[in-house]
Amino acid sequence: EEVPGAFHHARGKLLAHDHVVLSLSSSSGGECRVIYNDPRRFGFMDMIEPDGLHANRFLQGLGVEPLGNALSGDLLSELFAKKAAPLKSALLDQRLIAGLGNIYVCEALWRSGLSPERASHSICGTKYAQKLALDIREVIAEAIEAGGSSLRDYMQTDGSLGYFQHSFSVYDREGEKCRKPRCKGTVGRIVQSGRSSFYCPACQK
């Protein structure tokens, strides 16, 4: 019998941030607790019947899955066709593309050579839309392969940390040299909709 991993870990988080506690027991007498601890209050839980997922108010408005076959340059062109919003803001809009977070959008835009301040409709029908779609998929795939990004206290269910943060090219590297070959720029930081955007003004246009 294969065991997926050791899931019991020492209690190291403040109890004040425990929002849901599930007490479980088995017919053999074993007992355990599953604790949902969320200091930043980014998450939530909802009880849904299996056949009600698509009608749930939190799920029904979500956009395309970024790792699915649907994400392409053509789709980005369609989604952004009439949007003057900054590219960074459009990519973080969960109603357009579900699951893209701040870190991976910064990294994908850097790879594509696109400024986070650029109008989103400006890439429609261009080679940049195709490249951005590919870069989004590659960044997420590499992050999954590395176990995610462990900032502060994030860890996987087996207790191991993610290591993608060691591969960041721009995120949280303000003032450091751009890592693109032949680029002599320096990573900068701006704030968009309350979120930090890291990018290289020299090679991202």
C-alpha atoms as a PDB file:
ATOM      1  CA  GLU A   1       0.000   0.000   0.000  1.00  0.00           C
ATOM      2  CA  GLU A   2       1.406   3.373  -1.017  1.00  0.00           C
ATOM      3  CA  VAL A   3       1.299   6.241   1.469  1.00  0.00           C
ATOM      4  CA  PRO A   4       1.251   9.710  -0.164  1.00  0.00           C
ATOM      5  CA  GLY A   5       3.263  11.369   2.588  1.00  0.00           C
ATOM      6  CA  ALA A   6       3.447  12.352   6.240  1.00  0.00           C
ATOM      7  CA  PHE A   7       0.617  14.764   6.874  1.00  0.00           C
ATOM      8  CA  HIS A   8       0.978  15.348  10.598  1.00  0.00           C
ATOM      9  CA  HIS A   9       2.968  18.441  11.438  1.00  0.00           C
ATOM     10  CA  ALA A  10       3.816  20.340  14.592  1.00  0.00           C
ATOM     11  CA  ARG A  11       1.407  23.155  15.422  1.00  0.00           C
ATOM     12  CA  GLY A  12       3.242  26.340  14.520  1.00  0.00           C
ATOM     13  CA  LYS A  13       0.539  28.843  13.621  1.00  0.00           C
ATOM     14  CA  LEU A  14      -1.515  31.178  15.800  1.00  0.00           C
ATOM     15  CA  LEU A  15      -4.775  29.607  16.941  1.00  0.00           C
ATOM     16  CA  ALA A  16      -6.507  32.950  16.419  1.00  0.00           C
ATOM     17  CA  HIS A  17      -6.319  32.316  12.666  1.00  0.00           C
ATOM     18  CA  ASP A  18      -8.072  28.926  12.816  1.00  0.00           C
ATOM     19  CA  HIS A  19     -11.281  29.462  10.845  1.00  0.00           C
ATOM     20  CA  VAL A  20     -12.431  25.867  10.344  1.00  0.00           C
ATOM     21  CA  VAL A  21     -11.557  22.761  12.363  1.00  0.00           C
ATOM     22  CA  LEU A  22     -12.669  19.312  11.172  1.00  0.00           C
ATOM     23  CA  SER A  23     -12.506  16.539  13.763  1.00  0.00           C
ATOM     24  CA  LEU A  24     -12.271  13.117  12.137  1.00  0.00           C
ATOM     25  CA  SER A  25     -12.408   9.609  13.535  1.00  0.00           C
ATOM     26  CA  SER A  26     -12.133   6.130  12.051  1.00  0.00           C
ATOM     27  CA  SER A  27     -13.922   2.874  12.878  1.00  0.00           C
ATOM     28  CA  SER A  28     -10.630   1.604  14.321  1.00  0.00           C
ATOM     29  CA  GLY A  29     -10.592   4.372  16.916  1.00  0.00           C
ATOM     30  CA  GLY A  30      -8.106   6.704  15.250  1.00  0.00           C
ATOM     31  CA  GLU A  31      -8.718  10.414  15.539  1.00  0.00           C
ATOM     32  CA  CYS A  32      -7.274  13.493  13.842  1.00  0.00           C
ATOM     33  CA  ARG A  33      -8.084  17.099  13.093  1.00  0.00           C
ATOM     34  CA  VAL A  34      -7.851  19.022   9.843  1.00  0.00           C
ATOM     35  CA  ILE A  35      -7.348  22.727  10.575  1.00  0.00           C
ATOM     36  CA  TYR A  36      -7.882  25.544   8.114  1.00  0.00           C
ATOM     37  CA  ASN A  37      -5.555  28.305   9.328  1.00  0.00           C
ATOM     38  CA  ASP A  38      -5.552  31.483   7.231  1.00  0.00           C
ATOM     39  CA  PRO A  39      -3.783  34.554   8.720  1.00  0.00           C
ATOM     40  CA  ARG A  40      -4.193  36.648   5.559  1.00  0.00           C
ATOM     41  CA  ARG A  41      -7.877  35.732   5.051  1.00  0.00           C
ATOM     42  CA  PHE A  42      -7.405  35.192   1.330  1.00  0.00           C
ATOM     43  CA  GLY A  43      -9.368  31.961   1.296  1.00  0.00           C
ATOM     44  CA  PHE A  44     -12.777  30.682   2.282  1.00  0.00           C
ATOM     45  CA  MET A  45     -14.813  27.477   2.406  1.00  0.00           C
ATOM     46  CA  ASP A  46     -18.248  26.695   1.057  1.00  0.00           C
ATOM     47  CA  MET A  47     -20.388  23.559   1.223  1.00  0.00           C
ATOM     48  CA  ILE A  48     -21.527  22.456  -2.233  1.00  0.00           C
ATOM     49  CA  GLU A  49     -23.457  19.444  -3.487  1.00  0.00           C
ATOM     50  CA  PRO A  50     -21.453  17.509  -6.117  1.00  0.00           C
ATOM     51  CA  ASP A  51     -23.912  18.382  -8.877  1.00  0.00           C
ATOM     52  CA  GLY A  52     -24.035  22.053  -7.921  1.00  0.00           C
ATOM     53  CA  LEU A  53     -20.472  23.134  -8.710  1.00  0.00           C
ATOM     54  CA  HIS A  54     -21.300  24.999 -11.907  1.00  0.00           C
ATOM     55  CA  ALA A  55     -24.146  26.899 -10.283  1.00  0.00           C
ATOM     56  CA  ASN A  56     -22.138  27.994  -7.255  1.00  0.00           C
ATOM     57  CA  ARG A  57     -21.825  31.782  -7.002  1.00  0.00           C
ATOM     58  CA  PHE A  58     -18.075  31.585  -6.421  1.00  0.00           C
ATOM     59  CA  LEU A  59     -17.374  29.320  -9.391  1.00  0.00           C
ATOM     60  CA  GLN A  60     -19.867  30.194 -12.099  1.00  0.00           C
ATOM     61  CA  GLY A  61     -18.151  33.434 -13.105  1.00  0.00           C
ATOM     62  CA  LEU A  62     -14.612  32.089 -13.344  1.00  0.00           C
ATOM     63  CA  GLY A  63     -12.670  32.442 -16.565  1.00  0.00           C
ATOM     64  CA  VAL A  64     -10.656  29.915 -18.535  1.00  0.00           C
ATOM     65  CA  GLU A  65      -8.212  27.552 -16.816  1.00  0.00           C
ATOM     66  CA  PRO A  66      -4.660  28.752 -17.681  1.00  0.00           C
ATOM     67  CA  LEU A  67      -3.203  25.261 -18.017  1.00  0.00           C
ATOM     68  CA  GLY A  68      -6.023  23.957 -20.193  1.00  0.00           C
ATOM     69  CA  ASN A  69      -5.863  23.705 -23.968  1.00  0.00           C
ATOM     70  CA  ALA A  70      -8.169  26.721 -24.314  1.00  0.00           C
ATOM     71  CA  LEU A  71      -5.542  29.292 -23.340  1.00  0.00           C
ATOM     72  CA  SER A  72      -3.958  30.596 -26.530  1.00  0.00           C
ATOM     73  CA  GLY A  73      -2.965  33.819 -28.220  1.00  0.00           C
ATOM     74  CA  ASP A  74      -6.261  33.835 -30.072  1.00  0.00           C
ATOM     75  CA  LEU A  75      -8.198  33.546 -26.819  1.00  0.00           C
ATOM     76  CA  LEU A  76      -6.195  36.356 -25.192  1.00  0.00           C
ATOM     77  CA  SER A  77      -6.914  38.516 -28.231  1.00  0.00           C
ATOM     78  CA  GLU A  78     -10.614  37.759 -27.864  1.00  0.00           C
ATOM     79  CA  LEU A  79     -10.664  38.425 -24.112  1.00  0.00           C
ATOM     80  CA  PHE A  80      -8.705  41.682 -24.332  1.00  0.00           C
ATOM     81  CA  ALA A  81     -10.175  43.033 -27.588  1.00  0.00           C
ATOM     82  CA  LYS A  82     -12.111  45.907 -26.008  1.00  0.00           C
ATOM     83  CA  LYS A  83     -10.135  46.358 -22.813  1.00  0.00           C
ATOM     84  CA  ALA A  84      -8.027  49.440 -22.187  1.00  0.00           C
ATOM     85  CA  ALA A  85      -7.103  48.259 -18.695  1.00  0.00           C
ATOM     86  CA  PRO A  86      -3.402  47.656 -18.001  1.00  0.00           C
ATOM     87  CA  LEU A  87      -2.214  44.223 -19.072  1.00  0.00           C
ATOM     88  CA  LYS A  88      -1.348  43.266 -15.486  1.00  0.00           C
ATOM     89  CA  SER A  89      -4.867  44.072 -14.264  1.00  0.00           C
ATOM     90  CA  ALA A  90      -6.527  42.158 -17.106  1.00  0.00           C
ATOM     91  CA  LEU A  91      -4.435  39.054 -16.432  1.00  0.00           C
ATOM     92  CA  LEU A  92      -5.361  39.130 -12.738  1.00  0.00           C
ATOM     93  CA  ASP A  93      -9.091  39.387 -13.547  1.00  0.00           C
ATOM     94  CA  GLN A  94     -10.376  35.964 -12.477  1.00  0.00           C
ATOM     95  CA  ARG A  95     -13.442  36.418 -14.686  1.00  0.00           C
ATOM     96  CA  LEU A  96     -11.150  36.245 -17.712  1.00  0.00           C
ATOM     97  CA  ILE A  97      -8.472  33.758 -16.647  1.00  0.00           C
ATOM     98  CA  ALA A  98      -8.924  31.826 -13.413  1.00  0.00           C
ATOM     99  CA  GLY A  99      -6.010  31.049 -11.141  1.00  0.00           C
ATOM    100  CA  LEU A 100      -3.364  33.537 -12.244  1.00  0.00           C
ATOM    101  CA  GLY A 101      -1.724  35.226  -9.273  1.00  0.00           C
ATOM    102  CA  ASN A 102       0.478  38.263  -8.877  1.00  0.00           C
ATOM    103  CA  ILE A 103       3.818  36.435  -8.868  1.00  0.00           C
ATOM    104  CA  TYR A 104       3.252  34.387 -11.993  1.00  0.00           C
ATOM    105  CA  VAL A 105       1.758  37.286 -13.964  1.00  0.00           C
ATOM    106  CA  CYS A 106       4.884  39.366 -13.216  1.00  0.00           C
ATOM    107  CA  GLU A 107       7.120  36.500 -14.319  1.00  0.00           C
ATOM    108  CA  ALA A 108       5.135  35.777 -17.509  1.00  0.00           C
ATOM    109  CA  LEU A 109       5.074  39.431 -18.552  1.00  0.00           C
ATOM    110  CA  TRP A 110       8.848  39.646 -18.063  1.00  0.00           C
ATOM    111  CA  ARG A 111       9.402  36.601 -20.257  1.00  0.00           C
ATOM    112  CA  SER A 112       7.125  38.073 -22.925  1.00  0.00           C
ATOM    113  CA  GLY A 113       8.833  41.472 -22.826  1.00  0.00           C
ATOM    114  CA  LEU A 114       5.531  43.207 -22.066  1.00  0.00           C
ATOM    115  CA  SER A 115       5.061  46.075 -19.643  1.00  0.00           C
ATOM    116  CA  PRO A 116       2.452  45.569 -16.899  1.00  0.00           C
ATOM    117  CA  GLU A 117       1.233  49.098 -17.713  1.00  0.00           C
ATOM    118  CA  ARG A 118       0.630  48.398 -21.395  1.00  0.00           C
ATOM    119  CA  ALA A 119      -3.001  48.593 -22.561  1.00  0.00           C
ATOM    120  CA  SER A 120      -4.297  45.039 -22.739  1.00  0.00           C
ATOM    121  CA  HIS A 121      -5.997  45.491 -26.122  1.00  0.00           C
ATOM    122  CA  SER A 122      -2.670  46.495 -27.701  1.00  0.00           C
ATOM    123  CA  ILE A 123      -1.482  42.882 -27.943  1.00  0.00           C
ATOM    124  CA  CYS A 124      -4.603  41.594 -29.699  1.00  0.00           C
ATOM    125  CA  GLY A 125      -3.860  39.814 -32.956  1.00  0.00           C
ATOM    126  CA  THR A 126      -0.104  40.152 -32.514  1.00  0.00           C
ATOM    127  CA  LYS A 127       2.776  37.780 -31.903  1.00  0.00           C
ATOM    128  CA  TYR A 128       2.853  39.094 -28.324  1.00  0.00           C
ATOM    129  CA  ALA A 129      -0.498  37.486 -27.551  1.00  0.00           C
ATOM    130  CA  GLN A 130       0.778  34.104 -28.723  1.00  0.00           C
ATOM    131  CA  LYS A 131       4.015  34.448 -26.767  1.00  0.00           C
ATOM    132  CA  LEU A 132       2.255  35.607 -23.601  1.00  0.00           C
ATOM    133  CA  ALA A 133      -0.104  32.623 -23.662  1.00  0.00           C
ATOM    134  CA  LEU A 134       2.866  30.270 -24.016  1.00  0.00           C
ATOM    135  CA  ASP A 135       4.847  32.034 -21.290  1.00  0.00           C
ATOM    136  CA  ILE A 136       1.911  31.887 -18.858  1.00  0.00           C
ATOM    137  CA  ARG A 137       1.622  28.144 -19.347  1.00  0.00           C
ATOM    138  CA  GLU A 138       5.378  27.603 -19.006  1.00  0.00           C
ATOM    139  CA  VAL A 139       5.705  29.724 -15.842  1.00  0.00           C
ATOM    140  CA  ILE A 140       2.881  27.865 -14.111  1.00  0.00           C
ATOM    141  CA  ALA A 141       4.162  24.464 -15.247  1.00  0.00           C
ATOM    142  CA  GLU A 142       7.651  25.255 -13.931  1.00  0.00           C
ATOM    143  CA  ALA A 143       6.211  26.518 -10.644  1.00  0.00           C
ATOM    144  CA  ILE A 144       4.213  23.307 -10.197  1.00  0.00           C
ATOM    145  CA  GLU A 145       7.306  21.248 -10.976  1.00  0.00           C
ATOM    146  CA  ALA A 146       9.214  23.203  -8.316  1.00  0.00           C
ATOM    147  CA  GLY A 147       6.453  22.722  -5.742  1.00  0.00           C
ATOM    148  CA  GLY A 148       5.184  26.301  -5.842  1.00  0.00           C
ATOM    149  CA  SER A 149       6.649  29.399  -4.243  1.00  0.00           C
ATOM    150  CA  SER A 150       7.286  29.406  -0.492  1.00  0.00           C
ATOM    151  CA  LEU A 151       6.938  32.989   0.644  1.00  0.00           C
ATOM    152  CA  ARG A 152       6.551  33.417   4.405  1.00  0.00           C
ATOM    153  CA  ASP A 153       5.140  30.096   5.664  1.00  0.00           C
ATOM    154  CA  TYR A 154       3.634  28.328   2.633  1.00  0.00           C
ATOM    155  CA  MET A 155       4.270  24.594   2.448  1.00  0.00           C
ATOM    156  CA  GLN A 156       2.807  21.595   0.683  1.00  0.00           C
ATOM    157  CA  THR A 157       0.574  19.053   2.400  1.00  0.00           C
ATOM    158  CA  ASP A 158       3.545  16.774   3.117  1.00  0.00           C
ATOM    159  CA  GLY A 159       5.400  19.618   4.839  1.00  0.00           C
ATOM    160  CA  SER A 160       7.912  20.303   2.063  1.00  0.00           C
ATOM    161  CA  LEU A 161       8.534  23.818   0.810  1.00  0.00           C
ATOM    162  CA  GLY A 162       8.174  25.104  -2.724  1.00  0.00           C
ATOM    163  CA  TYR A 163      11.333  26.249  -4.505  1.00  0.00           C
ATOM    164  CA  PHE A 164      10.123  28.297  -7.471  1.00  0.00           C
ATOM    165  CA  GLN A 165      10.972  31.518  -5.596  1.00  0.00           C
ATOM    166  CA  HIS A 166      14.642  30.733  -6.225  1.00  0.00           C
ATOM    167  CA  SER A 167      13.922  31.065  -9.956  1.00  0.00           C
ATOM    168  CA  PHE A 168      12.179  34.449  -9.865  1.00  0.00           C
ATOM    169  CA  SER A 169      13.416  36.699 -12.644  1.00  0.00           C
ATOM    170  CA  VAL A 170      11.685  39.911 -11.555  1.00  0.00           C
ATOM    171  CA  TYR A 171       9.309  39.318  -8.655  1.00  0.00           C
ATOM    172  CA  ASP A 172      10.632  40.831  -5.407  1.00  0.00           C
ATOM    173  CA  ARG A 173      13.927  41.790  -7.134  1.00  0.00           C
ATOM    174  CA  GLU A 174      13.513  45.573  -7.147  1.00  0.00           C
ATOM    175  CA  GLY A 175      16.816  47.362  -7.766  1.00  0.00           C
ATOM    176  CA  GLU A 176      18.579  44.249  -9.081  1.00  0.00           C
ATOM    177  CA  LYS A 177      19.986  43.768 -12.575  1.00  0.00           C
ATOM    178  CA  CYS A 178      17.613  42.346 -15.187  1.00  0.00           C
ATOM    179  CA  ARG A 179      18.392  38.704 -15.905  1.00  0.00           C
ATOM    180  CA  LYS A 180      17.679  38.824 -19.637  1.00  0.00           C
ATOM    181  CA  PRO A 181      20.816  38.371 -21.748  1.00  0.00           C
ATOM    182  CA  ARG A 182      22.153  41.649 -23.114  1.00  0.00           C
ATOM    183  CA  CYS A 183      19.649  43.728 -21.142  1.00  0.00           C
ATOM    184  CA  LYS A 184      21.308  46.403 -19.030  1.00  0.00           C
ATOM    185  CA  GLY A 185      18.128  47.395 -17.221  1.00  0.00           C
ATOM    186  CA  THR A 186      17.272  47.290 -13.528  1.00  0.00           C
ATOM    187  CA  VAL A 187      14.151  45.702 -12.062  1.00  0.00           C
ATOM    188  CA  GLY A 188      11.639  48.299 -10.915  1.00  0.00           C
ATOM    189  CA  ARG A 189       8.469  48.201  -8.862  1.00  0.00           C
ATOM    190  CA  ILE A 190       5.151  49.979  -9.285  1.00  0.00           C
ATOM    191  CA  VAL A 191       1.809  49.557  -7.499  1.00  0.00           C
ATOM    192  CA  GLN A 192      -1.257  48.642  -9.554  1.00  0.00           C
ATOM    193  CA  SER A 193      -4.640  48.188  -7.874  1.00  0.00           C
ATOM    194  CA  GLY A 194      -2.897  47.784  -4.547  1.00  0.00           C
ATOM    195  CA  ARG A 195      -0.563  45.029  -5.808  1.00  0.00           C
ATOM    196  CA  SER A 196       3.174  45.288  -6.459  1.00  0.00           C
ATOM    197  CA  SER A 197       4.251  44.856 -10.061  1.00  0.00           C
ATOM    198  CA  PHE A 198       7.916  44.023 -10.648  1.00  0.00           C
ATOM    199  CA  TYR A 199       9.278  44.510 -14.153  1.00  0.00           C
ATOM    200  CA  CYS A 200      12.224  45.754 -16.198  1.00  0.00           C
ATOM    201  CA  PRO A 201      11.461  49.129 -17.812  1.00  0.00           C
ATOM    202  CA  ALA A 202      14.334  48.600 -20.277  1.00  0.00           C
ATOM    203  CA  CYS A 203      13.122  45.411 -21.968  1.00  0.00           C
ATOM    204  CA  GLN A 204       9.409  45.313 -21.164  1.00  0.00           C
ATOM    205  CA  LYS A 205       7.466  47.606 -23.473  1.00  0.00           C
END
